Amino acid sequence: MTAPLPFRTKADIVYDELRERILSGQLAPGDRVPISRVARELGVSDIPAREGVKRLEADGLLEFATHKGAIVPRMGRHEIEELFAIRAELEALAVRRAAEEITSEQLAELRRILDAMADAEARADVAEYGRLNREFHLGAYAAQSFARLQTMIGSLWDSTDWCRRIFSTDTESLRSSSAEHELIYEALARGDGDAAAAAVRAQKQRAADWYLGRVDGAAAEPAA
């Protein structure tokens, strides 16, 4: 029997649609997101449109500016450094705990995801690789029992998921990423929490450096 599709409110529809537009780059940093226009485009009233926009603000994917309303935020060096520093510590804690609690079934699922990531890398399907990357990490962190820690990490992933707009333009870093994921998996498989935490921290530092380089490069380009 096919499971019923989850019910989505009108606010859910607004949230999901705008979130994908932001993460895909259809809405770029600095773009305005007028609530009345969103409501018209999606065929809803202003109330659910406003609720969806407020949820995106809570995720860090929109911000409100005086006289402008909701806009897609521009991330600078400080914001990137802060978010990745926090993520590194929380995610290192999560994999350290996961190494003690992970089951054989959970390890098998992580292995399946890694194999799918290798296939996506071979096809240069960066969008699919990015989706599986998130699935791998959140699956690993779900193997530990601190529910609040899992929620905090998920929220921070939402706040930095805009990074896949940049990542989607570069296939070169996939090779480094794949090697890092294998290190995390191997450490979890042998129950070595310290090694898993060190691998996660190194991965987040490399990712932060990569994104900072792209932000600095964009800032140095002359205006069109």
N, C-alpha and C. Protein backbone atom coordinates (compact mmCIF):
# COMPACT_ATOMS: atom_id res chain seq x y z
N MET A 1 0.84 -1.20 0.00
CA MET A 1 0.00 0.00 0.00
C MET A 1 0.88 1.25 0.00
N THR A 2 0.60 2.15 -0.90
CA THR A 2 1.38 3.38 -1.01
C THR A 2 1.06 4.33 0.14
N ALA A 3 2.12 4.85 0.79
CA ALA A 3 1.91 5.77 1.90
C ALA A 3 1.34 7.08 1.38
N PRO A 4 0.40 7.68 2.12
CA PRO A 4 -0.17 8.95 1.67
C PRO A 4 0.86 10.06 1.69
N LEU A 5 0.75 10.98 0.76
CA LEU A 5 1.66 12.12 0.73
C LEU A 5 1.41 13.00 1.94
N PRO A 6 2.48 13.55 2.53
CA PRO A 6 2.28 14.42 3.69
C PRO A 6 1.50 15.67 3.32
N PHE A 7 0.63 16.10 4.22
CA PHE A 7 -0.17 17.30 3.98
C PHE A 7 0.71 18.54 4.05
N ARG A 8 0.52 19.45 3.11
CA ARG A 8 1.27 20.70 3.12
C ARG A 8 0.30 21.87 3.21
N THR A 9 0.56 22.76 4.15
CA THR A 9 -0.25 23.97 4.25
C THR A 9 0.20 24.95 3.16
N LYS A 10 -0.57 26.01 2.98
CA LYS A 10 -0.20 27.04 2.01
C LYS A 10 1.13 27.70 2.41
N ALA A 11 1.34 27.85 3.72
CA ALA A 11 2.62 28.41 4.17
C ALA A 11 3.78 27.46 3.84
N ASP A 12 3.54 26.15 3.93
CA ASP A 12 4.55 25.16 3.56
C ASP A 12 4.92 25.31 2.08
N ILE A 13 3.90 25.49 1.24
CA ILE A 13 4.12 25.63 -0.20
C ILE A 13 4.98 26.86 -0.49
N VAL A 14 4.66 27.97 0.16
CA VAL A 14 5.45 29.20 -0.01
C VAL A 14 6.88 28.97 0.45
N TYR A 15 7.03 28.38 1.62
CA TYR A 15 8.35 28.13 2.19
C TYR A 15 9.18 27.25 1.25
N ASP A 16 8.62 26.13 0.82
CA ASP A 16 9.36 25.19 -0.03
C ASP A 16 9.75 25.81 -1.36
N GLU A 17 8.82 26.54 -1.98
CA GLU A 17 9.09 27.13 -3.29
C GLU A 17 10.18 28.21 -3.21
N LEU A 18 10.06 29.11 -2.24
CA LEU A 18 11.05 30.17 -2.12
C LEU A 18 12.41 29.62 -1.70
N ARG A 19 12.40 28.63 -0.83
CA ARG A 19 13.65 28.02 -0.38
C ARG A 19 14.42 27.45 -1.57
N GLU A 20 13.72 26.73 -2.44
CA GLU A 20 14.39 26.15 -3.60
C GLU A 20 14.87 27.24 -4.55
N ARG A 21 14.12 28.30 -4.71
CA ARG A 21 14.55 29.39 -5.59
C ARG A 21 15.83 30.03 -5.06
N ILE A 22 15.92 30.18 -3.74
CA ILE A 22 17.11 30.78 -3.13
C ILE A 22 18.30 29.85 -3.28
N LEU A 23 18.12 28.58 -2.94
CA LEU A 23 19.24 27.64 -2.95
C LEU A 23 19.72 27.32 -4.36
N SER A 24 18.83 27.40 -5.33
CA SER A 24 19.22 27.12 -6.72
C SER A 24 19.86 28.34 -7.39
N GLY A 25 19.74 29.51 -6.76
CA GLY A 25 20.30 30.72 -7.36
C GLY A 25 19.31 31.49 -8.20
N GLN A 26 18.08 30.97 -8.33
CA GLN A 26 17.06 31.71 -9.09
C GLN A 26 16.78 33.06 -8.43
N LEU A 27 16.83 33.07 -7.09
CA LEU A 27 16.83 34.32 -6.33
C LEU A 27 18.24 34.54 -5.82
N ALA A 28 18.86 35.62 -6.23
CA ALA A 28 20.26 35.88 -5.91
C ALA A 28 20.39 36.79 -4.69
N PRO A 29 21.57 36.80 -4.03
CA PRO A 29 21.80 37.72 -2.92
C PRO A 29 21.49 39.16 -3.31
N GLY A 30 20.70 39.83 -2.45
CA GLY A 30 20.30 41.20 -2.72
C GLY A 30 18.93 41.33 -3.36
N ASP A 31 18.39 40.24 -3.90
CA ASP A 31 17.07 40.28 -4.52
C ASP A 31 15.98 40.51 -3.47
N ARG A 32 15.00 41.33 -3.81
CA ARG A 32 13.86 41.55 -2.94
C ARG A 32 12.83 40.44 -3.14
N VAL A 33 12.11 40.13 -2.07
CA VAL A 33 11.07 39.09 -2.12
C VAL A 33 9.79 39.70 -1.54
N PRO A 34 9.06 40.51 -2.34
CA PRO A 34 7.83 41.14 -1.84
C PRO A 34 6.76 40.10 -1.52
N ILE A 35 6.20 40.19 -0.33
CA ILE A 35 5.21 39.21 0.10
C ILE A 35 3.99 39.21 -0.81
N SER A 36 3.50 40.38 -1.22
CA SER A 36 2.31 40.45 -2.05
C SER A 36 2.55 39.79 -3.42
N ARG A 37 3.76 39.96 -3.97
CA ARG A 37 4.07 39.35 -5.26
C ARG A 37 4.15 37.83 -5.13
N VAL A 38 4.77 37.38 -4.05
CA VAL A 38 4.86 35.94 -3.79
C VAL A 38 3.47 35.34 -3.68
N ALA A 39 2.60 36.02 -2.94
CA ALA A 39 1.23 35.52 -2.76
C ALA A 39 0.52 35.38 -4.11
N ARG A 40 0.68 36.39 -4.97
CA ARG A 40 0.02 36.33 -6.29
C ARG A 40 0.58 35.19 -7.13
N GLU A 41 1.90 35.06 -7.15
CA GLU A 41 2.53 34.04 -7.98
C GLU A 41 2.12 32.64 -7.57
N LEU A 42 1.97 32.41 -6.27
CA LEU A 42 1.69 31.07 -5.78
C LEU A 42 0.21 30.84 -5.49
N GLY A 43 -0.61 31.85 -5.74
CA GLY A 43 -2.05 31.70 -5.59
C GLY A 43 -2.53 31.54 -4.16
N VAL A 44 -1.87 32.26 -3.24
CA VAL A 44 -2.28 32.22 -1.83
C VAL A 44 -2.51 33.65 -1.36
N SER A 45 -3.05 33.78 -0.15
CA SER A 45 -3.24 35.10 0.42
C SER A 45 -1.94 35.58 1.06
N ASP A 46 -1.94 36.84 1.49
CA ASP A 46 -0.73 37.41 2.09
C ASP A 46 -0.36 36.74 3.41
N ILE A 47 -1.35 36.21 4.14
CA ILE A 47 -1.06 35.64 5.46
C ILE A 47 -0.16 34.42 5.37
N PRO A 48 -0.48 33.38 4.58
CA PRO A 48 0.45 32.25 4.49
C PRO A 48 1.76 32.62 3.79
N ALA A 49 1.70 33.58 2.86
CA ALA A 49 2.94 34.03 2.22
C ALA A 49 3.87 34.66 3.25
N ARG A 50 3.30 35.47 4.13
CA ARG A 50 4.11 36.11 5.18
C ARG A 50 4.67 35.06 6.14
N GLU A 51 3.87 34.05 6.47
CA GLU A 51 4.33 33.00 7.38
C GLU A 51 5.50 32.23 6.76
N GLY A 52 5.39 31.90 5.49
CA GLY A 52 6.47 31.19 4.81
C GLY A 52 7.74 32.01 4.77
N VAL A 53 7.61 33.30 4.50
CA VAL A 53 8.76 34.20 4.44
C VAL A 53 9.41 34.32 5.82
N LYS A 54 8.60 34.40 6.87
CA LYS A 54 9.16 34.49 8.23
C LYS A 54 9.93 33.23 8.60
N ARG A 55 9.45 32.08 8.15
CA ARG A 55 10.18 30.84 8.42
C ARG A 55 11.53 30.84 7.72
N LEU A 56 11.58 31.38 6.52
CA LEU A 56 12.85 31.48 5.80
C LEU A 56 13.79 32.46 6.49
N GLU A 57 13.24 33.50 7.09
CA GLU A 57 14.07 34.42 7.86
C GLU A 57 14.69 33.69 9.05
N ALA A 58 13.89 32.85 9.73
CA ALA A 58 14.40 32.09 10.87
C ALA A 58 15.51 31.13 10.45
N ASP A 59 15.45 30.63 9.21
CA ASP A 59 16.49 29.73 8.69
C ASP A 59 17.73 30.49 8.23
N GLY A 60 17.66 31.82 8.17
CA GLY A 60 18.79 32.60 7.69
C GLY A 60 18.84 32.74 6.18
N LEU A 61 17.77 32.31 5.49
CA LEU A 61 17.76 32.39 4.03
C LEU A 61 17.14 33.68 3.51
N LEU A 62 16.46 34.41 4.37
CA LEU A 62 15.95 35.75 4.05
C LEU A 62 16.22 36.65 5.23
N GLU A 63 16.25 37.95 4.98
CA GLU A 63 16.35 38.93 6.06
C GLU A 63 15.49 40.12 5.69
N PHE A 64 15.11 40.88 6.73
CA PHE A 64 14.27 42.05 6.49
C PHE A 64 15.11 43.31 6.63
N ALA A 65 15.01 44.17 5.62
CA ALA A 65 15.74 45.43 5.61
C ALA A 65 14.76 46.59 5.61
N THR A 66 15.12 47.67 6.28
CA THR A 66 14.27 48.85 6.36
C THR A 66 13.98 49.40 4.97
N HIS A 67 12.70 49.66 4.71
CA HIS A 67 12.22 50.21 3.44
C HIS A 67 12.37 49.25 2.25
N LYS A 68 12.83 48.03 2.50
CA LYS A 68 13.00 47.07 1.40
C LYS A 68 12.18 45.81 1.61
N GLY A 69 11.88 45.48 2.84
CA GLY A 69 11.17 44.24 3.12
C GLY A 69 12.11 43.05 3.11
N ALA A 70 11.61 41.88 2.70
CA ALA A 70 12.42 40.66 2.69
C ALA A 70 13.38 40.67 1.52
N ILE A 71 14.65 40.37 1.79
CA ILE A 71 15.65 40.27 0.73
C ILE A 71 16.50 39.02 0.98
N VAL A 72 17.11 38.51 -0.09
CA VAL A 72 18.06 37.40 0.04
C VAL A 72 19.36 37.97 0.58
N PRO A 73 19.85 37.48 1.72
CA PRO A 73 21.03 38.09 2.35
C PRO A 73 22.31 37.84 1.57
N ARG A 74 23.24 38.77 1.73
CA ARG A 74 24.59 38.61 1.20
C ARG A 74 25.48 38.13 2.35
N MET A 75 26.14 37.01 2.16
CA MET A 75 27.03 36.49 3.19
C MET A 75 28.43 37.02 2.98
N GLY A 76 29.00 37.62 4.02
CA GLY A 76 30.37 38.10 3.98
C GLY A 76 31.31 37.17 4.72
N ARG A 77 32.56 37.56 4.80
CA ARG A 77 33.58 36.71 5.46
C ARG A 77 33.19 36.38 6.89
N HIS A 78 32.77 37.39 7.64
CA HIS A 78 32.49 37.16 9.06
C HIS A 78 31.38 36.13 9.25
N GLU A 79 30.31 36.26 8.47
CA GLU A 79 29.19 35.33 8.61
C GLU A 79 29.59 33.91 8.25
N ILE A 80 30.38 33.76 7.19
CA ILE A 80 30.82 32.43 6.78
C ILE A 80 31.74 31.82 7.83
N GLU A 81 32.69 32.60 8.32
CA GLU A 81 33.61 32.10 9.34
C GLU A 81 32.85 31.68 10.60
N GLU A 82 31.89 32.49 11.00
CA GLU A 82 31.12 32.18 12.21
C GLU A 82 30.32 30.90 12.04
N LEU A 83 29.57 30.80 10.96
CA LEU A 83 28.71 29.63 10.76
C LEU A 83 29.51 28.34 10.66
N PHE A 84 30.61 28.37 9.91
CA PHE A 84 31.38 27.14 9.76
C PHE A 84 32.15 26.79 11.04
N ALA A 85 32.56 27.78 11.82
CA ALA A 85 33.22 27.48 13.10
C ALA A 85 32.26 26.79 14.06
N ILE A 86 31.02 27.29 14.11
CA ILE A 86 30.01 26.68 14.98
C ILE A 86 29.67 25.28 14.48
N ARG A 87 29.46 25.16 13.18
CA ARG A 87 29.13 23.85 12.62
C ARG A 87 30.23 22.84 12.89
N ALA A 88 31.48 23.24 12.76
CA ALA A 88 32.59 22.31 12.97
C ALA A 88 32.54 21.71 14.37
N GLU A 89 32.30 22.54 15.37
CA GLU A 89 32.29 22.04 16.75
C GLU A 89 31.07 21.16 17.03
N LEU A 90 29.91 21.58 16.59
CA LEU A 90 28.70 20.79 16.83
C LEU A 90 28.73 19.47 16.08
N GLU A 91 29.17 19.50 14.84
CA GLU A 91 29.19 18.28 14.04
C GLU A 91 30.29 17.33 14.50
N ALA A 92 31.40 17.87 14.99
CA ALA A 92 32.44 17.02 15.57
C ALA A 92 31.91 16.31 16.81
N LEU A 93 31.18 17.03 17.65
CA LEU A 93 30.57 16.41 18.82
C LEU A 93 29.61 15.30 18.41
N ALA A 94 28.82 15.57 17.37
CA ALA A 94 27.83 14.58 16.93
C ALA A 94 28.48 13.30 16.43
N VAL A 95 29.54 13.40 15.62
CA VAL A 95 30.16 12.16 15.12
C VAL A 95 30.94 11.45 16.21
N ARG A 96 31.47 12.20 17.17
CA ARG A 96 32.15 11.54 18.29
C ARG A 96 31.16 10.67 19.06
N ARG A 97 29.97 11.20 19.30
CA ARG A 97 28.94 10.42 19.99
C ARG A 97 28.41 9.30 19.09
N ALA A 98 28.26 9.60 17.81
CA ALA A 98 27.74 8.59 16.88
C ALA A 98 28.66 7.38 16.80
N ALA A 99 29.96 7.60 16.89
CA ALA A 99 30.90 6.48 16.83
C ALA A 99 30.64 5.47 17.95
N GLU A 100 30.07 5.92 19.06
CA GLU A 100 29.78 5.03 20.18
C GLU A 100 28.41 4.36 20.05
N GLU A 101 27.51 4.94 19.25
CA GLU A 101 26.12 4.49 19.23
C GLU A 101 25.65 3.93 17.90
N ILE A 102 26.39 4.14 16.83
CA ILE A 102 25.90 3.78 15.50
C ILE A 102 25.70 2.27 15.37
N THR A 103 24.64 1.90 14.66
CA THR A 103 24.30 0.49 14.47
C THR A 103 24.83 0.00 13.11
N SER A 104 24.84 -1.31 12.93
CA SER A 104 25.29 -1.87 11.66
C SER A 104 24.35 -1.45 10.53
N GLU A 105 23.05 -1.33 10.84
CA GLU A 105 22.08 -0.89 9.83
C GLU A 105 22.36 0.55 9.40
N GLN A 106 22.67 1.42 10.36
CA GLN A 106 22.96 2.81 10.04
C GLN A 106 24.25 2.93 9.23
N LEU A 107 25.26 2.11 9.57
CA LEU A 107 26.49 2.10 8.80
C LEU A 107 26.24 1.64 7.36
N ALA A 108 25.39 0.63 7.20
CA ALA A 108 25.06 0.14 5.87
C ALA A 108 24.38 1.23 5.04
N GLU A 109 23.52 2.03 5.67
CA GLU A 109 22.85 3.11 4.96
C GLU A 109 23.85 4.20 4.56
N LEU A 110 24.79 4.51 5.44
CA LEU A 110 25.83 5.49 5.09
C LEU A 110 26.67 4.98 3.92
N ARG A 111 26.97 3.67 3.92
CA ARG A 111 27.73 3.09 2.81
C ARG A 111 26.96 3.22 1.49
N ARG A 112 25.65 2.97 1.56
CA ARG A 112 24.82 3.09 0.37
C ARG A 112 24.87 4.52 -0.17
N ILE A 113 24.80 5.50 0.73
CA ILE A 113 24.84 6.91 0.31
C ILE A 113 26.18 7.24 -0.32
N LEU A 114 27.28 6.76 0.29
CA LEU A 114 28.60 7.02 -0.27
C LEU A 114 28.75 6.43 -1.66
N ASP A 115 28.21 5.24 -1.87
CA ASP A 115 28.27 4.63 -3.20
C ASP A 115 27.48 5.47 -4.21
N ALA A 116 26.33 5.98 -3.78
CA ALA A 116 25.53 6.84 -4.66
C ALA A 116 26.26 8.15 -4.95
N MET A 117 26.99 8.67 -3.96
CA MET A 117 27.78 9.88 -4.16
C MET A 117 28.89 9.64 -5.18
N ALA A 118 29.53 8.46 -5.10
CA ALA A 118 30.58 8.13 -6.07
C ALA A 118 30.01 8.09 -7.49
N ASP A 119 28.81 7.56 -7.61
CA ASP A 119 28.16 7.51 -8.92
C ASP A 119 27.85 8.92 -9.42
N ALA A 120 27.35 9.78 -8.52
CA ALA A 120 27.05 11.16 -8.90
C ALA A 120 28.32 11.90 -9.30
N GLU A 121 29.42 11.62 -8.59
CA GLU A 121 30.69 12.25 -8.93
C GLU A 121 31.14 11.82 -10.32
N ALA A 122 31.01 10.53 -10.62
CA ALA A 122 31.43 10.01 -11.92
C ALA A 122 30.63 10.64 -13.05
N ARG A 123 29.36 10.97 -12.77
CA ARG A 123 28.50 11.59 -13.78
C ARG A 123 28.59 13.11 -13.76
N ALA A 124 29.43 13.65 -12.85
CA ALA A 124 29.56 15.11 -12.66
C ALA A 124 28.21 15.75 -12.36
N ASP A 125 27.37 15.00 -11.63
CA ASP A 125 26.05 15.51 -11.24
C ASP A 125 26.20 16.18 -9.88
N VAL A 126 26.59 17.45 -9.91
CA VAL A 126 26.91 18.15 -8.67
C VAL A 126 25.67 18.37 -7.81
N ALA A 127 24.53 18.61 -8.44
CA ALA A 127 23.30 18.83 -7.67
C ALA A 127 22.93 17.58 -6.87
N GLU A 128 23.01 16.42 -7.52
CA GLU A 128 22.69 15.17 -6.82
C GLU A 128 23.73 14.88 -5.75
N TYR A 129 24.99 15.17 -6.05
CA TYR A 129 26.06 14.97 -5.06
C TYR A 129 25.79 15.83 -3.82
N GLY A 130 25.39 17.07 -4.03
CA GLY A 130 25.10 17.95 -2.90
C GLY A 130 23.96 17.45 -2.05
N ARG A 131 22.91 16.92 -2.70
CA ARG A 131 21.78 16.37 -1.96
C ARG A 131 22.22 15.17 -1.12
N LEU A 132 23.01 14.29 -1.73
CA LEU A 132 23.49 13.10 -1.01
C LEU A 132 24.47 13.48 0.09
N ASN A 133 25.26 14.52 -0.13
CA ASN A 133 26.18 15.00 0.90
C ASN A 133 25.42 15.36 2.18
N ARG A 134 24.34 16.10 2.01
CA ARG A 134 23.52 16.47 3.17
C ARG A 134 22.93 15.22 3.81
N GLU A 135 22.44 14.29 2.98
CA GLU A 135 21.84 13.07 3.51
C GLU A 135 22.86 12.26 4.32
N PHE A 136 24.09 12.18 3.82
CA PHE A 136 25.15 11.45 4.53
C PHE A 136 25.42 12.06 5.90
N HIS A 137 25.65 13.36 5.91
CA HIS A 137 26.01 14.01 7.18
C HIS A 137 24.87 13.93 8.20
N LEU A 138 23.69 14.29 7.79
CA LEU A 138 22.58 14.28 8.75
C LEU A 138 22.26 12.85 9.18
N GLY A 139 22.48 11.88 8.30
CA GLY A 139 22.30 10.49 8.69
C GLY A 139 23.32 10.06 9.73
N ALA A 140 24.57 10.49 9.56
CA ALA A 140 25.61 10.18 10.54
C ALA A 140 25.30 10.82 11.89
N TYR A 141 24.85 12.07 11.86
CA TYR A 141 24.58 12.77 13.11
C TYR A 141 23.34 12.20 13.81
N ALA A 142 22.42 11.65 13.03
CA ALA A 142 21.21 11.05 13.61
C ALA A 142 21.51 9.75 14.33
N ALA A 143 22.72 9.22 14.15
CA ALA A 143 23.09 7.97 14.82
C ALA A 143 23.41 8.18 16.29
N GLN A 144 23.45 9.43 16.74
CA GLN A 144 23.65 9.70 18.17
C GLN A 144 22.33 10.18 18.76
N SER A 145 22.21 10.14 20.07
CA SER A 145 20.90 10.27 20.72
C SER A 145 20.58 11.64 21.29
N PHE A 146 21.42 12.65 21.05
CA PHE A 146 21.11 14.00 21.52
C PHE A 146 20.20 14.67 20.48
N ALA A 147 18.90 14.65 20.74
CA ALA A 147 17.95 15.19 19.76
C ALA A 147 18.13 16.69 19.57
N ARG A 148 18.42 17.42 20.63
CA ARG A 148 18.58 18.87 20.50
C ARG A 148 19.82 19.19 19.65
N LEU A 149 20.87 18.42 19.82
CA LEU A 149 22.07 18.62 19.01
C LEU A 149 21.74 18.41 17.54
N GLN A 150 20.97 17.37 17.24
CA GLN A 150 20.57 17.09 15.86
C GLN A 150 19.75 18.25 15.28
N THR A 151 18.84 18.80 16.08
CA THR A 151 18.02 19.92 15.63
C THR A 151 18.87 21.15 15.35
N MET A 152 19.82 21.44 16.24
CA MET A 152 20.70 22.60 16.05
C MET A 152 21.53 22.46 14.78
N ILE A 153 22.06 21.27 14.54
CA ILE A 153 22.86 21.06 13.34
C ILE A 153 22.01 21.22 12.09
N GLY A 154 20.79 20.66 12.11
CA GLY A 154 19.91 20.79 10.96
C GLY A 154 19.60 22.23 10.64
N SER A 155 19.39 23.04 11.68
CA SER A 155 19.11 24.46 11.47
C SER A 155 20.30 25.18 10.85
N LEU A 156 21.51 24.84 11.31
CA LEU A 156 22.71 25.48 10.76
C LEU A 156 22.96 25.03 9.33
N TRP A 157 22.64 23.79 9.01
CA TRP A 157 22.74 23.35 7.62
C TRP A 157 21.79 24.17 6.74
N ASP A 158 20.60 24.43 7.25
CA ASP A 158 19.66 25.27 6.49
C ASP A 158 20.24 26.66 6.28
N SER A 159 20.92 27.18 7.30
CA SER A 159 21.47 28.53 7.21
C SER A 159 22.60 28.63 6.20
N THR A 160 23.30 27.52 5.94
CA THR A 160 24.44 27.55 5.01
C THR A 160 24.17 26.76 3.75
N ASP A 161 22.95 26.27 3.58
CA ASP A 161 22.64 25.48 2.38
C ASP A 161 22.68 26.33 1.12
N TRP A 162 22.63 27.67 1.27
CA TRP A 162 22.78 28.56 0.13
C TRP A 162 24.12 28.35 -0.55
N CYS A 163 25.07 27.74 0.18
CA CYS A 163 26.41 27.55 -0.40
C CYS A 163 26.38 26.67 -1.63
N ARG A 164 25.37 25.82 -1.78
CA ARG A 164 25.36 24.97 -2.96
C ARG A 164 25.13 25.78 -4.23
N ARG A 165 24.69 27.05 -4.11
CA ARG A 165 24.64 27.91 -5.29
C ARG A 165 26.03 28.07 -5.88
N ILE A 166 27.04 28.21 -5.00
CA ILE A 166 28.41 28.38 -5.46
C ILE A 166 29.01 27.03 -5.82
N PHE A 167 28.77 26.03 -4.96
CA PHE A 167 29.35 24.71 -5.15
C PHE A 167 28.94 24.11 -6.48
N SER A 168 27.72 24.44 -6.94
CA SER A 168 27.20 23.83 -8.16
C SER A 168 27.96 24.27 -9.40
N THR A 169 28.82 25.27 -9.26
CA THR A 169 29.58 25.73 -10.42
C THR A 169 30.97 25.09 -10.49
N ASP A 170 31.31 24.22 -9.53
CA ASP A 170 32.67 23.70 -9.45
C ASP A 170 32.65 22.20 -9.17
N THR A 171 33.16 21.41 -10.12
CA THR A 171 33.21 19.96 -9.92
C THR A 171 34.57 19.52 -9.36
N GLU A 172 35.55 20.38 -9.33
CA GLU A 172 36.90 20.01 -8.92
C GLU A 172 36.95 19.56 -7.46
N SER A 173 36.19 20.23 -6.58
CA SER A 173 36.28 19.92 -5.16
C SER A 173 35.56 18.63 -4.79
N LEU A 174 34.87 17.99 -5.74
CA LEU A 174 34.18 16.74 -5.43
C LEU A 174 35.16 15.66 -5.00
N ARG A 175 36.34 15.62 -5.62
CA ARG A 175 37.31 14.58 -5.29
C ARG A 175 37.78 14.70 -3.85
N SER A 176 38.09 15.91 -3.42
CA SER A 176 38.49 16.12 -2.03
C SER A 176 37.36 15.76 -1.09
N SER A 177 36.14 16.16 -1.45
CA SER A 177 34.98 15.89 -0.62
C SER A 177 34.77 14.39 -0.45
N SER A 178 34.89 13.62 -1.52
CA SER A 178 34.68 12.18 -1.46
C SER A 178 35.67 11.52 -0.51
N ALA A 179 36.93 11.92 -0.58
CA ALA A 179 37.95 11.36 0.30
C ALA A 179 37.64 11.67 1.76
N GLU A 180 37.15 12.88 2.01
CA GLU A 180 36.81 13.27 3.39
C GLU A 180 35.65 12.43 3.93
N HIS A 181 34.65 12.18 3.09
CA HIS A 181 33.52 11.38 3.54
C HIS A 181 33.94 9.94 3.86
N GLU A 182 34.86 9.41 3.08
CA GLU A 182 35.36 8.06 3.35
C GLU A 182 36.07 8.00 4.70
N LEU A 183 36.85 9.03 5.02
CA LEU A 183 37.54 9.07 6.31
C LEU A 183 36.54 9.09 7.46
N ILE A 184 35.48 9.87 7.32
CA ILE A 184 34.45 9.94 8.37
C ILE A 184 33.78 8.58 8.52
N TYR A 185 33.43 7.96 7.40
CA TYR A 185 32.77 6.66 7.45
C TYR A 185 33.67 5.61 8.10
N GLU A 186 34.92 5.54 7.69
CA GLU A 186 35.84 4.54 8.23
C GLU A 186 36.03 4.71 9.74
N ALA A 187 36.10 5.97 10.19
CA ALA A 187 36.25 6.22 11.63
C ALA A 187 35.01 5.77 12.39
N LEU A 188 33.83 6.04 11.84
CA LEU A 188 32.60 5.59 12.48
C LEU A 188 32.53 4.07 12.50
N ALA A 189 32.95 3.43 11.42
CA ALA A 189 32.86 1.97 11.32
C ALA A 189 33.74 1.28 12.37
N ARG A 190 34.87 1.89 12.71
CA ARG A 190 35.73 1.28 13.72
C ARG A 190 35.52 1.85 15.12
N GLY A 191 34.51 2.73 15.25
CA GLY A 191 34.17 3.28 16.55
C GLY A 191 35.17 4.28 17.09
N ASP A 192 35.89 4.95 16.20
CA ASP A 192 36.92 5.92 16.60
C ASP A 192 36.33 7.33 16.54
N GLY A 193 35.76 7.77 17.66
CA GLY A 193 35.11 9.07 17.70
C GLY A 193 36.07 10.23 17.50
N ASP A 194 37.28 10.12 18.04
CA ASP A 194 38.25 11.21 17.90
C ASP A 194 38.64 11.39 16.43
N ALA A 195 38.86 10.29 15.73
CA ALA A 195 39.24 10.38 14.31
C ALA A 195 38.08 10.93 13.49
N ALA A 196 36.86 10.50 13.81
CA ALA A 196 35.69 11.02 13.09
C ALA A 196 35.54 12.52 13.30
N ALA A 197 35.73 12.97 14.55
CA ALA A 197 35.62 14.40 14.86
C ALA A 197 36.70 15.20 14.14
N ALA A 198 37.93 14.67 14.12
CA ALA A 198 39.02 15.36 13.45
C ALA A 198 38.74 15.47 11.95
N ALA A 199 38.19 14.41 11.36
CA ALA A 199 37.88 14.44 9.93
C ALA A 199 36.80 15.46 9.62
N VAL A 200 35.79 15.56 10.48
CA VAL A 200 34.72 16.54 10.27
C VAL A 200 35.27 17.96 10.39
N ARG A 201 36.09 18.20 11.41
CA ARG A 201 36.65 19.54 11.58
C ARG A 201 37.49 19.94 10.36
N ALA A 202 38.30 19.01 9.88
CA ALA A 202 39.14 19.31 8.71
C ALA A 202 38.27 19.59 7.49
N GLN A 203 37.21 18.84 7.34
CA GLN A 203 36.31 19.04 6.21
C GLN A 203 35.66 20.42 6.27
N LYS A 204 35.18 20.80 7.46
CA LYS A 204 34.52 22.11 7.58
C LYS A 204 35.51 23.25 7.35
N GLN A 205 36.76 23.07 7.79
CA GLN A 205 37.76 24.12 7.57
C GLN A 205 38.05 24.26 6.08
N ARG A 206 38.19 23.12 5.38
CA ARG A 206 38.44 23.19 3.94
C ARG A 206 37.26 23.86 3.23
N ALA A 207 36.04 23.48 3.63
CA ALA A 207 34.86 24.06 3.00
C ALA A 207 34.79 25.57 3.25
N ALA A 208 35.08 25.98 4.48
CA ALA A 208 35.05 27.41 4.81
C ALA A 208 36.08 28.17 3.98
N ASP A 209 37.29 27.61 3.89
CA ASP A 209 38.34 28.27 3.09
C ASP A 209 37.93 28.38 1.64
N TRP A 210 37.29 27.32 1.13
CA TRP A 210 36.85 27.30 -0.28
C TRP A 210 35.82 28.38 -0.53
N TYR A 211 34.82 28.47 0.35
CA TYR A 211 33.77 29.47 0.18
C TYR A 211 34.30 30.88 0.36
N LEU A 212 35.21 31.06 1.33
CA LEU A 212 35.78 32.39 1.55
C LEU A 212 36.56 32.84 0.32
N GLY A 213 37.26 31.90 -0.31
CA GLY A 213 37.98 32.24 -1.53
C GLY A 213 37.04 32.69 -2.63
N ARG A 214 35.87 32.05 -2.73
CA ARG A 214 34.90 32.45 -3.75
C ARG A 214 34.28 33.81 -3.43
N VAL A 215 34.01 34.06 -2.16
CA VAL A 215 33.46 35.36 -1.76
C VAL A 215 34.45 36.47 -2.02
N ASP A 216 35.73 36.25 -1.67
CA ASP A 216 36.76 37.26 -1.91
C ASP A 216 36.93 37.51 -3.40
N GLY A 217 36.87 36.43 -4.20
CA GLY A 217 37.00 36.58 -5.65
C GLY A 217 35.88 37.37 -6.25
N ALA A 218 34.66 37.11 -5.76
CA ALA A 218 33.50 37.84 -6.26
C ALA A 218 33.59 39.32 -5.90
N ALA A 219 34.08 39.61 -4.68
CA ALA A 219 34.20 40.99 -4.23
C ALA A 219 35.24 41.75 -5.04
N ALA A 220 36.24 41.03 -5.56
CA ALA A 220 37.30 41.69 -6.31
C ALA A 220 36.93 41.96 -7.76
N GLU A 221 35.87 41.29 -8.24
CA GLU A 221 35.47 41.49 -9.63
C GLU A 221 34.84 42.87 -9.83
N PRO A 222 35.11 43.53 -10.93
CA PRO A 222 34.46 44.82 -11.18
C PRO A 222 32.98 44.66 -11.39
N ALA A 223 32.23 45.67 -11.04
CA ALA A 223 30.78 45.63 -11.21
C ALA A 223 30.44 45.58 -12.70
N ALA A 224 29.40 44.82 -13.01
CA ALA A 224 28.99 44.69 -14.41
C ALA A 224 28.36 45.97 -14.89
